[in-house]
N, C-alpha and C. Protein backbone atom coordinates (compact mmCIF):
# COMPACT_ATOMS: atom_id res chain seq x y z
N MET A 1 123.22 207.13 46.56
CA MET A 1 123.49 208.47 47.06
C MET A 1 124.03 209.32 45.92
N LYS A 2 123.46 210.52 45.79
CA LYS A 2 123.88 211.41 44.71
C LYS A 2 125.26 211.99 45.00
N GLU A 3 126.03 212.16 43.96
CA GLU A 3 127.35 212.78 44.09
C GLU A 3 127.15 214.27 44.35
N LYS A 4 128.04 214.84 45.14
CA LYS A 4 127.96 216.26 45.45
C LYS A 4 128.28 217.10 44.23
N THR A 5 127.60 218.23 44.15
CA THR A 5 127.91 219.17 43.06
C THR A 5 129.22 219.88 43.39
N GLU A 6 129.79 220.53 42.40
CA GLU A 6 131.02 221.29 42.63
C GLU A 6 130.80 222.40 43.66
N ALA A 7 129.63 223.03 43.62
CA ALA A 7 129.32 224.09 44.59
C ALA A 7 129.27 223.52 46.01
N GLN A 8 128.69 222.33 46.16
CA GLN A 8 128.63 221.69 47.47
C GLN A 8 130.03 221.34 47.96
N LYS A 9 130.86 220.86 47.06
CA LYS A 9 132.23 220.51 47.43
C LYS A 9 133.00 221.74 47.87
N ARG A 10 132.84 222.86 47.15
CA ARG A 10 133.51 224.10 47.52
C ARG A 10 133.03 224.59 48.88
N ALA A 11 131.73 224.53 49.10
CA ALA A 11 131.17 224.98 50.37
C ALA A 11 131.70 224.12 51.53
N GLN A 12 131.78 222.82 51.31
CA GLN A 12 132.29 221.95 52.36
C GLN A 12 133.76 222.23 52.64
N ARG A 13 134.56 222.44 51.61
CA ARG A 13 135.97 222.77 51.81
C ARG A 13 136.12 224.07 52.59
N LYS A 14 135.33 225.08 52.24
CA LYS A 14 135.38 226.36 52.94
C LYS A 14 135.01 226.19 54.41
N TYR A 15 133.97 225.41 54.67
CA TYR A 15 133.54 225.15 56.04
C TYR A 15 134.65 224.43 56.81
N MET A 16 135.23 223.41 56.22
CA MET A 16 136.24 222.61 56.90
C MET A 16 137.50 223.42 57.20
N GLU A 17 137.78 224.45 56.41
CA GLU A 17 138.93 225.31 56.67
C GLU A 17 138.77 226.08 57.98
N SER A 18 137.55 226.28 58.43
CA SER A 18 137.30 227.04 59.65
C SER A 18 137.17 226.15 60.88
N ILE A 19 137.34 224.85 60.72
CA ILE A 19 137.12 223.89 61.80
C ILE A 19 138.45 223.31 62.26
N ALA A 20 138.63 223.23 63.58
CA ALA A 20 139.79 222.57 64.16
C ALA A 20 139.34 221.23 64.73
N THR A 21 140.26 220.29 64.78
CA THR A 21 139.95 218.96 65.29
C THR A 21 140.70 218.73 66.59
N ILE A 22 139.98 218.18 67.57
CA ILE A 22 140.58 217.77 68.84
C ILE A 22 140.30 216.28 68.98
N GLN A 23 141.33 215.52 69.25
CA GLN A 23 141.16 214.07 69.40
C GLN A 23 140.99 213.75 70.89
N VAL A 24 139.99 212.93 71.19
CA VAL A 24 139.72 212.51 72.56
C VAL A 24 139.88 211.00 72.64
N ARG A 25 140.64 210.54 73.60
CA ARG A 25 140.83 209.10 73.77
C ARG A 25 140.00 208.64 74.96
N THR A 26 139.31 207.53 74.78
CA THR A 26 138.49 206.96 75.84
C THR A 26 138.35 205.47 75.60
N THR A 27 137.78 204.80 76.56
CA THR A 27 137.56 203.36 76.39
C THR A 27 136.37 203.13 75.48
N GLU A 28 136.29 201.95 74.91
CA GLU A 28 135.16 201.60 74.05
C GLU A 28 133.84 201.70 74.83
N ASP A 29 133.84 201.22 76.07
CA ASP A 29 132.63 201.27 76.88
C ASP A 29 132.18 202.71 77.12
N ARG A 30 133.12 203.57 77.45
CA ARG A 30 132.76 204.96 77.71
C ARG A 30 132.29 205.64 76.43
N ARG A 31 132.93 205.33 75.32
CA ARG A 31 132.50 205.90 74.04
C ARG A 31 131.04 205.53 73.76
N GLU A 32 130.68 204.29 74.03
CA GLU A 32 129.30 203.85 73.80
C GLU A 32 128.33 204.54 74.75
N ARG A 33 128.76 204.77 75.99
CA ARG A 33 127.91 205.49 76.94
C ARG A 33 127.72 206.94 76.51
N ILE A 34 128.79 207.57 76.04
CA ILE A 34 128.70 208.95 75.55
C ILE A 34 127.76 209.01 74.36
N LYS A 35 127.91 208.09 73.43
CA LYS A 35 127.06 208.05 72.23
C LYS A 35 125.59 207.86 72.61
N ALA A 36 125.33 206.94 73.53
CA ALA A 36 123.94 206.68 73.95
C ALA A 36 123.35 207.91 74.63
N HIS A 37 124.15 208.58 75.45
CA HIS A 37 123.66 209.78 76.13
C HIS A 37 123.33 210.88 75.13
N ALA A 38 124.25 211.10 74.21
CA ALA A 38 124.02 212.14 73.18
C ALA A 38 122.76 211.83 72.39
N GLU A 39 122.62 210.58 71.95
CA GLU A 39 121.44 210.19 71.16
C GLU A 39 120.16 210.36 71.96
N SER A 40 120.21 210.09 73.26
CA SER A 40 119.01 210.23 74.09
C SER A 40 118.55 211.67 74.18
N ARG A 41 119.47 212.59 73.92
CA ARG A 41 119.15 214.02 73.93
C ARG A 41 118.95 214.57 72.52
N GLY A 42 119.01 213.69 71.53
CA GLY A 42 118.82 214.13 70.16
C GLY A 42 120.03 214.87 69.60
N GLU A 43 121.22 214.58 70.14
CA GLU A 43 122.44 215.27 69.73
C GLU A 43 123.41 214.29 69.09
N SER A 44 124.30 214.82 68.30
CA SER A 44 125.44 214.03 67.85
C SER A 44 126.45 214.00 69.00
N VAL A 45 127.39 213.08 68.93
CA VAL A 45 128.45 213.04 69.94
C VAL A 45 129.22 214.35 69.92
N ASN A 46 129.52 214.86 68.74
CA ASN A 46 130.25 216.12 68.62
C ASN A 46 129.50 217.27 69.28
N ALA A 47 128.21 217.36 69.01
CA ALA A 47 127.41 218.44 69.61
C ALA A 47 127.37 218.31 71.12
N PHE A 48 127.22 217.08 71.61
CA PHE A 48 127.19 216.86 73.06
C PHE A 48 128.51 217.29 73.70
N ILE A 49 129.63 216.86 73.13
CA ILE A 49 130.93 217.20 73.69
C ILE A 49 131.14 218.71 73.68
N ASN A 50 130.81 219.37 72.59
CA ASN A 50 130.96 220.83 72.52
C ASN A 50 130.07 221.52 73.55
N ARG A 51 128.83 221.04 73.72
CA ARG A 51 127.94 221.63 74.72
C ARG A 51 128.49 221.42 76.12
N ALA A 52 129.00 220.22 76.39
CA ALA A 52 129.56 219.93 77.71
C ALA A 52 130.75 220.85 78.01
N ILE A 53 131.59 221.06 77.03
CA ILE A 53 132.74 221.95 77.20
C ILE A 53 132.26 223.38 77.46
N ASP A 54 131.33 223.86 76.63
CA ASP A 54 130.82 225.23 76.79
C ASP A 54 130.20 225.43 78.17
N GLU A 55 129.36 224.47 78.60
CA GLU A 55 128.69 224.60 79.90
C GLU A 55 129.69 224.57 81.05
N THR A 56 130.71 223.73 80.94
CA THR A 56 131.72 223.66 81.99
C THR A 56 132.51 224.96 82.06
N MET A 57 132.92 225.47 80.91
CA MET A 57 133.68 226.72 80.90
C MET A 57 132.85 227.87 81.43
N GLU A 58 131.56 227.91 81.09
CA GLU A 58 130.69 228.97 81.60
C GLU A 58 130.54 228.85 83.10
N ARG A 59 130.32 227.64 83.59
CA ARG A 59 130.13 227.40 85.02
C ARG A 59 131.40 227.76 85.80
N GLU A 60 132.55 227.55 85.19
CA GLU A 60 133.82 227.83 85.86
C GLU A 60 134.30 229.26 85.63
N GLY A 61 133.48 230.06 84.96
CA GLY A 61 133.80 231.47 84.78
C GLY A 61 134.81 231.75 83.69
N ARG A 62 134.84 230.89 82.68
CA ARG A 62 135.74 231.11 81.56
C ARG A 62 134.89 231.24 80.31
N ASP A 63 135.26 232.17 79.47
CA ASP A 63 134.46 232.36 78.25
C ASP A 63 135.19 231.93 76.99
N GLY A 64 136.23 231.18 77.13
CA GLY A 64 136.92 230.62 75.96
C GLY A 64 137.89 231.56 75.41
């Protein structure tokens, strides 16, 4: 794997400064089910969780 260029490193740092982290605790079994579901839809776990949150908030009449 090629090492990142300085420009790539700067871009990643800038991107990460705009991102917040939320930790979710679950069982190993549930984590595997979530991962399998996300993969079956062609999504990462992160993308699936964010989509699920967005859809729930929209359905419940909240816009974040």
